[in-house]
Amino acid sequence: MFIYATAVVVSTGRSYKTALKILNEVRKRYERPAGAMVTYKEFSVCMHLDEEEVFSALQ
């Protein structure tokens, strides 16, 4: 399952612009091209969050 910038905003409480930067940092860490999809697991690992925390924030 992939995470989108709006989900990052909801789960972190940060702005949309910051969410895009966070996703770009995750892509860089996993050596993905710009615009590539990011999974919840990759996002959670990079943000030091539990996947369940991310899912619960989105509900």
PDB file of N, CA and C in Angstrom:
ATOM      1  N   MET A   1       0.849  -1.167   0.000  1.00  0.00           N
ATOM      2  CA  MET A   1       0.000   0.000   0.000  1.00  0.00           C
ATOM      3  C   MET A   1       0.904   1.242   0.000  1.00  0.00           C
ATOM      4  N   PHE A   2       0.522   2.220  -0.762  1.00  0.00           N
ATOM      5  CA  PHE A   2       1.335   3.418  -0.907  1.00  0.00           C
ATOM      6  C   PHE A   2       0.774   4.578  -0.100  1.00  0.00           C
ATOM      7  N   ILE A   3       1.662   5.488   0.267  1.00  0.00           N
ATOM      8  CA  ILE A   3       1.259   6.663   1.033  1.00  0.00           C
ATOM      9  C   ILE A   3       1.365   7.899   0.140  1.00  0.00           C
ATOM     10  N   TYR A   4       0.435   8.786   0.283  1.00  0.00           N
ATOM     11  CA  TYR A   4       0.394  10.019  -0.508  1.00  0.00           C
ATOM     12  C   TYR A   4       0.659  11.206   0.397  1.00  0.00           C
ATOM     13  N   ALA A   5       0.970  12.342  -0.193  1.00  0.00           N
ATOM     14  CA  ALA A   5       1.322  13.538   0.573  1.00  0.00           C
ATOM     15  C   ALA A   5       0.212  13.942   1.550  1.00  0.00           C
ATOM     16  N   THR A   6      -1.040  13.805   1.143  1.00  0.00           N
ATOM     17  CA  THR A   6      -2.135  14.188   2.047  1.00  0.00           C
ATOM     18  C   THR A   6      -2.153  13.295   3.285  1.00  0.00           C
ATOM     19  N   ALA A   7      -1.800  12.023   3.125  1.00  0.00           N
ATOM     20  CA  ALA A   7      -1.732  11.115   4.271  1.00  0.00           C
ATOM     21  C   ALA A   7      -0.579  11.497   5.187  1.00  0.00           C
ATOM     22  N   VAL A   8       0.515  11.984   4.610  1.00  0.00           N
ATOM     23  CA  VAL A   8       1.649  12.440   5.414  1.00  0.00           C
ATOM     24  C   VAL A   8       1.237  13.651   6.242  1.00  0.00           C
ATOM     25  N   VAL A   9       0.479  14.543   5.639  1.00  0.00           N
ATOM     26  CA  VAL A   9      -0.005  15.729   6.352  1.00  0.00           C
ATOM     27  C   VAL A   9      -0.834  15.300   7.559  1.00  0.00           C
ATOM     28  N   VAL A  10      -1.737  14.376   7.347  1.00  0.00           N
ATOM     29  CA  VAL A  10      -2.619  13.915   8.416  1.00  0.00           C
ATOM     30  C   VAL A  10      -1.829  13.190   9.505  1.00  0.00           C
ATOM     31  N   SER A  11      -0.900  12.322   9.117  1.00  0.00           N
ATOM     32  CA  SER A  11      -0.195  11.504  10.109  1.00  0.00           C
ATOM     33  C   SER A  11       0.899  12.258  10.849  1.00  0.00           C
ATOM     34  N   THR A  12       1.434  13.333  10.275  1.00  0.00           N
ATOM     35  CA  THR A  12       2.513  14.071  10.936  1.00  0.00           C
ATOM     36  C   THR A  12       2.091  15.439  11.430  1.00  0.00           C
ATOM     37  N   GLY A  13       0.983  15.961  10.921  1.00  0.00           N
ATOM     38  CA  GLY A  13       0.525  17.284  11.319  1.00  0.00           C
ATOM     39  C   GLY A  13       1.317  18.407  10.670  1.00  0.00           C
ATOM     40  N   ARG A  14       2.052  18.095   9.640  1.00  0.00           N
ATOM     41  CA  ARG A  14       2.867  19.105   8.962  1.00  0.00           C
ATOM     42  C   ARG A  14       2.164  19.615   7.712  1.00  0.00           C
ATOM     43  N   SER A  15       2.737  20.643   7.098  1.00  0.00           N
ATOM     44  CA  SER A  15       2.124  21.234   5.906  1.00  0.00           C
ATOM     45  C   SER A  15       2.281  20.318   4.695  1.00  0.00           C
ATOM     46  N   TYR A  16       1.480  20.588   3.667  1.00  0.00           N
ATOM     47  CA  TYR A  16       1.551  19.800   2.435  1.00  0.00           C
ATOM     48  C   TYR A  16       2.933  19.920   1.793  1.00  0.00           C
ATOM     49  N   LYS A  17       3.483  21.116   1.781  1.00  0.00           N
ATOM     50  CA  LYS A  17       4.807  21.345   1.193  1.00  0.00           C
ATOM     51  C   LYS A  17       5.875  20.535   1.947  1.00  0.00           C
ATOM     52  N   THR A  18       5.782  20.523   3.259  1.00  0.00           N
ATOM     53  CA  THR A  18       6.709  19.738   4.065  1.00  0.00           C
ATOM     54  C   THR A  18       6.512  18.251   3.806  1.00  0.00           C
ATOM     55  N   ALA A  19       5.265  17.839   3.634  1.00  0.00           N
ATOM     56  CA  ALA A  19       4.971  16.435   3.344  1.00  0.00           C
ATOM     57  C   ALA A  19       5.647  15.991   2.050  1.00  0.00           C
ATOM     58  N   LEU A  20       5.626  16.842   1.051  1.00  0.00           N
ATOM     59  CA  LEU A  20       6.296  16.509  -0.211  1.00  0.00           C
ATOM     60  C   LEU A  20       7.798  16.363  -0.006  1.00  0.00           C
ATOM     61  N   LYS A  21       8.372  17.222   0.820  1.00  0.00           N
ATOM     62  CA  LYS A  21       9.805  17.137   1.123  1.00  0.00           C
ATOM     63  C   LYS A  21      10.127  15.839   1.856  1.00  0.00           C
ATOM     64  N   ILE A  22       9.263  15.465   2.799  1.00  0.00           N
ATOM     65  CA  ILE A  22       9.462  14.212   3.542  1.00  0.00           C
ATOM     66  C   ILE A  22       9.444  13.027   2.582  1.00  0.00           C
ATOM     67  N   LEU A  23       8.464  12.996   1.687  1.00  0.00           N
ATOM     68  CA  LEU A  23       8.384  11.890   0.728  1.00  0.00           C
ATOM     69  C   LEU A  23       9.607  11.865  -0.181  1.00  0.00           C
ATOM     70  N   ASN A  24      10.123  13.019  -0.551  1.00  0.00           N
ATOM     71  CA  ASN A  24      11.338  13.059  -1.372  1.00  0.00           C
ATOM     72  C   ASN A  24      12.539  12.516  -0.609  1.00  0.00           C
ATOM     73  N   GLU A  25      12.609  12.798   0.681  1.00  0.00           N
ATOM     74  CA  GLU A  25      13.698  12.255   1.508  1.00  0.00           C
ATOM     75  C   GLU A  25      13.603  10.733   1.589  1.00  0.00           C
ATOM     76  N   VAL A  26      12.386  10.219   1.706  1.00  0.00           N
ATOM     77  CA  VAL A  26      12.192   8.759   1.735  1.00  0.00           C
ATOM     78  C   VAL A  26      12.645   8.169   0.398  1.00  0.00           C
ATOM     79  N   ARG A  27      12.279   8.807  -0.692  1.00  0.00           N
ATOM     80  CA  ARG A  27      12.690   8.322  -2.018  1.00  0.00           C
ATOM     81  C   ARG A  27      14.205   8.303  -2.145  1.00  0.00           C
ATOM     82  N   LYS A  28      14.865   9.362  -1.665  1.00  0.00           N
ATOM     83  CA  LYS A  28      16.328   9.424  -1.733  1.00  0.00           C
ATOM     84  C   LYS A  28      16.953   8.296  -0.929  1.00  0.00           C
ATOM     85  N   ARG A  29      16.395   8.051   0.249  1.00  0.00           N
ATOM     86  CA  ARG A  29      16.946   6.993   1.105  1.00  0.00           C
ATOM     87  C   ARG A  29      16.870   5.629   0.422  1.00  0.00           C
ATOM     88  N   TYR A  30      15.786   5.395  -0.305  1.00  0.00           N
ATOM     89  CA  TYR A  30      15.598   4.119  -0.989  1.00  0.00           C
ATOM     90  C   TYR A  30      16.025   4.176  -2.456  1.00  0.00           C
ATOM     91  N   GLU A  31      16.722   5.264  -2.819  1.00  0.00           N
ATOM     92  CA  GLU A  31      17.262   5.449  -4.176  1.00  0.00           C
ATOM     93  C   GLU A  31      16.193   5.276  -5.251  1.00  0.00           C
ATOM     94  N   ARG A  32      15.083   5.966  -5.050  1.00  0.00           N
ATOM     95  CA  ARG A  32      13.981   5.943  -6.011  1.00  0.00           C
ATOM     96  C   ARG A  32      13.966   7.241  -6.799  1.00  0.00           C
ATOM     97  N   PRO A  33      13.463   7.206  -8.023  1.00  0.00           N
ATOM     98  CA  PRO A  33      13.366   8.451  -8.806  1.00  0.00           C
ATOM     99  C   PRO A  33      12.290   9.378  -8.237  1.00  0.00           C
ATOM    100  N   ALA A  34      12.409  10.655  -8.574  1.00  0.00           N
ATOM    101  CA  ALA A  34      11.407  11.635  -8.135  1.00  0.00           C
ATOM    102  C   ALA A  34      10.033  11.208  -8.631  1.00  0.00           C
ATOM    103  N   GLY A  35       9.045  11.332  -7.782  1.00  0.00           N
ATOM    104  CA  GLY A  35       7.681  10.974  -8.152  1.00  0.00           C
ATOM    105  C   GLY A  35       7.336   9.519  -7.958  1.00  0.00           C
ATOM    106  N   ALA A  36       8.319   8.697  -7.568  1.00  0.00           N
ATOM    107  CA  ALA A  36       8.046   7.274  -7.348  1.00  0.00           C
ATOM    108  C   ALA A  36       7.153   7.104  -6.126  1.00  0.00           C
ATOM    109  N   MET A  37       6.388   6.056  -6.119  1.00  0.00           N
ATOM    110  CA  MET A  37       5.483   5.786  -5.006  1.00  0.00           C
ATOM    111  C   MET A  37       6.289   5.332  -3.786  1.00  0.00           C
ATOM    112  N   VAL A  38       5.807   5.689  -2.605  1.00  0.00           N
ATOM    113  CA  VAL A  38       6.430   5.333  -1.336  1.00  0.00           C
ATOM    114  C   VAL A  38       5.432   4.487  -0.553  1.00  0.00           C
ATOM    115  N   THR A  39       5.903   3.374   0.012  1.00  0.00           N
ATOM    116  CA  THR A  39       5.004   2.529   0.790  1.00  0.00           C
ATOM    117  C   THR A  39       4.892   3.041   2.222  1.00  0.00           C
ATOM    118  N   TYR A  40       3.825   2.625   2.898  1.00  0.00           N
ATOM    119  CA  TYR A  40       3.642   2.986   4.303  1.00  0.00           C
ATOM    120  C   TYR A  40       4.822   2.490   5.128  1.00  0.00           C
ATOM    121  N   LYS A  41       5.298   1.302   4.819  1.00  0.00           N
ATOM    122  CA  LYS A  41       6.412   0.736   5.586  1.00  0.00           C
ATOM    123  C   LYS A  41       7.672   1.580   5.424  1.00  0.00           C
ATOM    124  N   GLU A  42       8.007   1.975   4.198  1.00  0.00           N
ATOM    125  CA  GLU A  42       9.182   2.814   3.959  1.00  0.00           C
ATOM    126  C   GLU A  42       9.052   4.149   4.688  1.00  0.00           C
ATOM    127  N   PHE A  43       7.868   4.749   4.605  1.00  0.00           N
ATOM    128  CA  PHE A  43       7.613   6.009   5.274  1.00  0.00           C
ATOM    129  C   PHE A  43       7.761   5.852   6.787  1.00  0.00           C
ATOM    130  N   SER A  44       7.181   4.808   7.327  1.00  0.00           N
ATOM    131  CA  SER A  44       7.225   4.571   8.767  1.00  0.00           C
ATOM    132  C   SER A  44       8.657   4.387   9.260  1.00  0.00           C
ATOM    133  N   VAL A  45       9.456   3.642   8.517  1.00  0.00           N
ATOM    134  CA  VAL A  45      10.847   3.411   8.898  1.00  0.00           C
ATOM    135  C   VAL A  45      11.619   4.726   8.901  1.00  0.00           C
ATOM    136  N   CYS A  46      11.463   5.518   7.870  1.00  0.00           N
ATOM    137  CA  CYS A  46      12.187   6.788   7.775  1.00  0.00           C
ATOM    138  C   CYS A  46      11.756   7.795   8.828  1.00  0.00           C
ATOM    139  N   MET A  47      10.503   7.769   9.214  1.00  0.00           N
ATOM    140  CA  MET A  47       9.977   8.719  10.198  1.00  0.00           C
ATOM    141  C   MET A  47      10.051   8.163  11.625  1.00  0.00           C
ATOM    142  N   HIS A  48      10.591   6.950  11.773  1.00  0.00           N
ATOM    143  CA  HIS A  48      10.707   6.296  13.076  1.00  0.00           C
ATOM    144  C   HIS A  48       9.339   6.153  13.740  1.00  0.00           C
ATOM    145  N   LEU A  49       8.352   5.760  12.934  1.00  0.00           N
ATOM    146  CA  LEU A  49       6.998   5.527  13.421  1.00  0.00           C
ATOM    147  C   LEU A  49       6.631   4.067  13.221  1.00  0.00           C
ATOM    148  N   ASP A  50       5.724   3.594  14.027  1.00  0.00           N
ATOM    149  CA  ASP A  50       5.166   2.269  13.840  1.00  0.00           C
ATOM    150  C   ASP A  50       4.109   2.370  12.744  1.00  0.00           C
ATOM    151  N   GLU A  51       4.047   1.385  11.865  1.00  0.00           N
ATOM    152  CA  GLU A  51       3.049   1.406  10.789  1.00  0.00           C
ATOM    153  C   GLU A  51       1.638   1.575  11.334  1.00  0.00           C
ATOM    154  N   GLU A  52       1.370   0.960  12.475  1.00  0.00           N
ATOM    155  CA  GLU A  52       0.043   1.059  13.090  1.00  0.00           C
ATOM    156  C   GLU A  52      -0.262   2.495  13.502  1.00  0.00           C
ATOM    157  N   GLU A  53       0.762   3.234  13.951  1.00  0.00           N
ATOM    158  CA  GLU A  53       0.565   4.638  14.319  1.00  0.00           C
ATOM    159  C   GLU A  53       0.120   5.449  13.102  1.00  0.00           C
ATOM    160  N   VAL A  54       0.727   5.171  11.953  1.00  0.00           N
ATOM    161  CA  VAL A  54       0.386   5.878  10.726  1.00  0.00           C
ATOM    162  C   VAL A  54      -1.047   5.543  10.341  1.00  0.00           C
ATOM    163  N   PHE A  55      -1.405   4.252  10.343  1.00  0.00           N
ATOM    164  CA  PHE A  55      -2.764   3.864   9.970  1.00  0.00           C
ATOM    165  C   PHE A  55      -3.796   4.462  10.928  1.00  0.00           C
ATOM    166  N   SER A  56      -3.498   4.452  12.227  1.00  0.00           N
ATOM    167  CA  SER A  56      -4.476   4.976  13.190  1.00  0.00           C
ATOM    168  C   SER A  56      -4.657   6.478  13.028  1.00  0.00           C
ATOM    169  N   ALA A  57      -3.597   7.195  12.653  1.00  0.00           N
ATOM    170  CA  ALA A  57      -3.697   8.638  12.433  1.00  0.00           C
ATOM    171  C   ALA A  57      -4.577   8.944  11.227  1.00  0.00           C
ATOM    172  N   LEU A  58      -4.660   8.037  10.295  1.00  0.00           N
ATOM    173  CA  LEU A  58      -5.436   8.264   9.077  1.00  0.00           C
ATOM    174  C   LEU A  58      -6.908   7.912   9.250  1.00  0.00           C
ATOM    175  N   GLN A  59      -7.248   7.227  10.314  1.00  0.00           N
ATOM    176  CA  GLN A  59      -8.640   6.834  10.511  1.00  0.00           C
ATOM    177  C   GLN A  59      -9.403   7.815  11.332  1.00  0.00           C
TER     178      GLN A  59
END
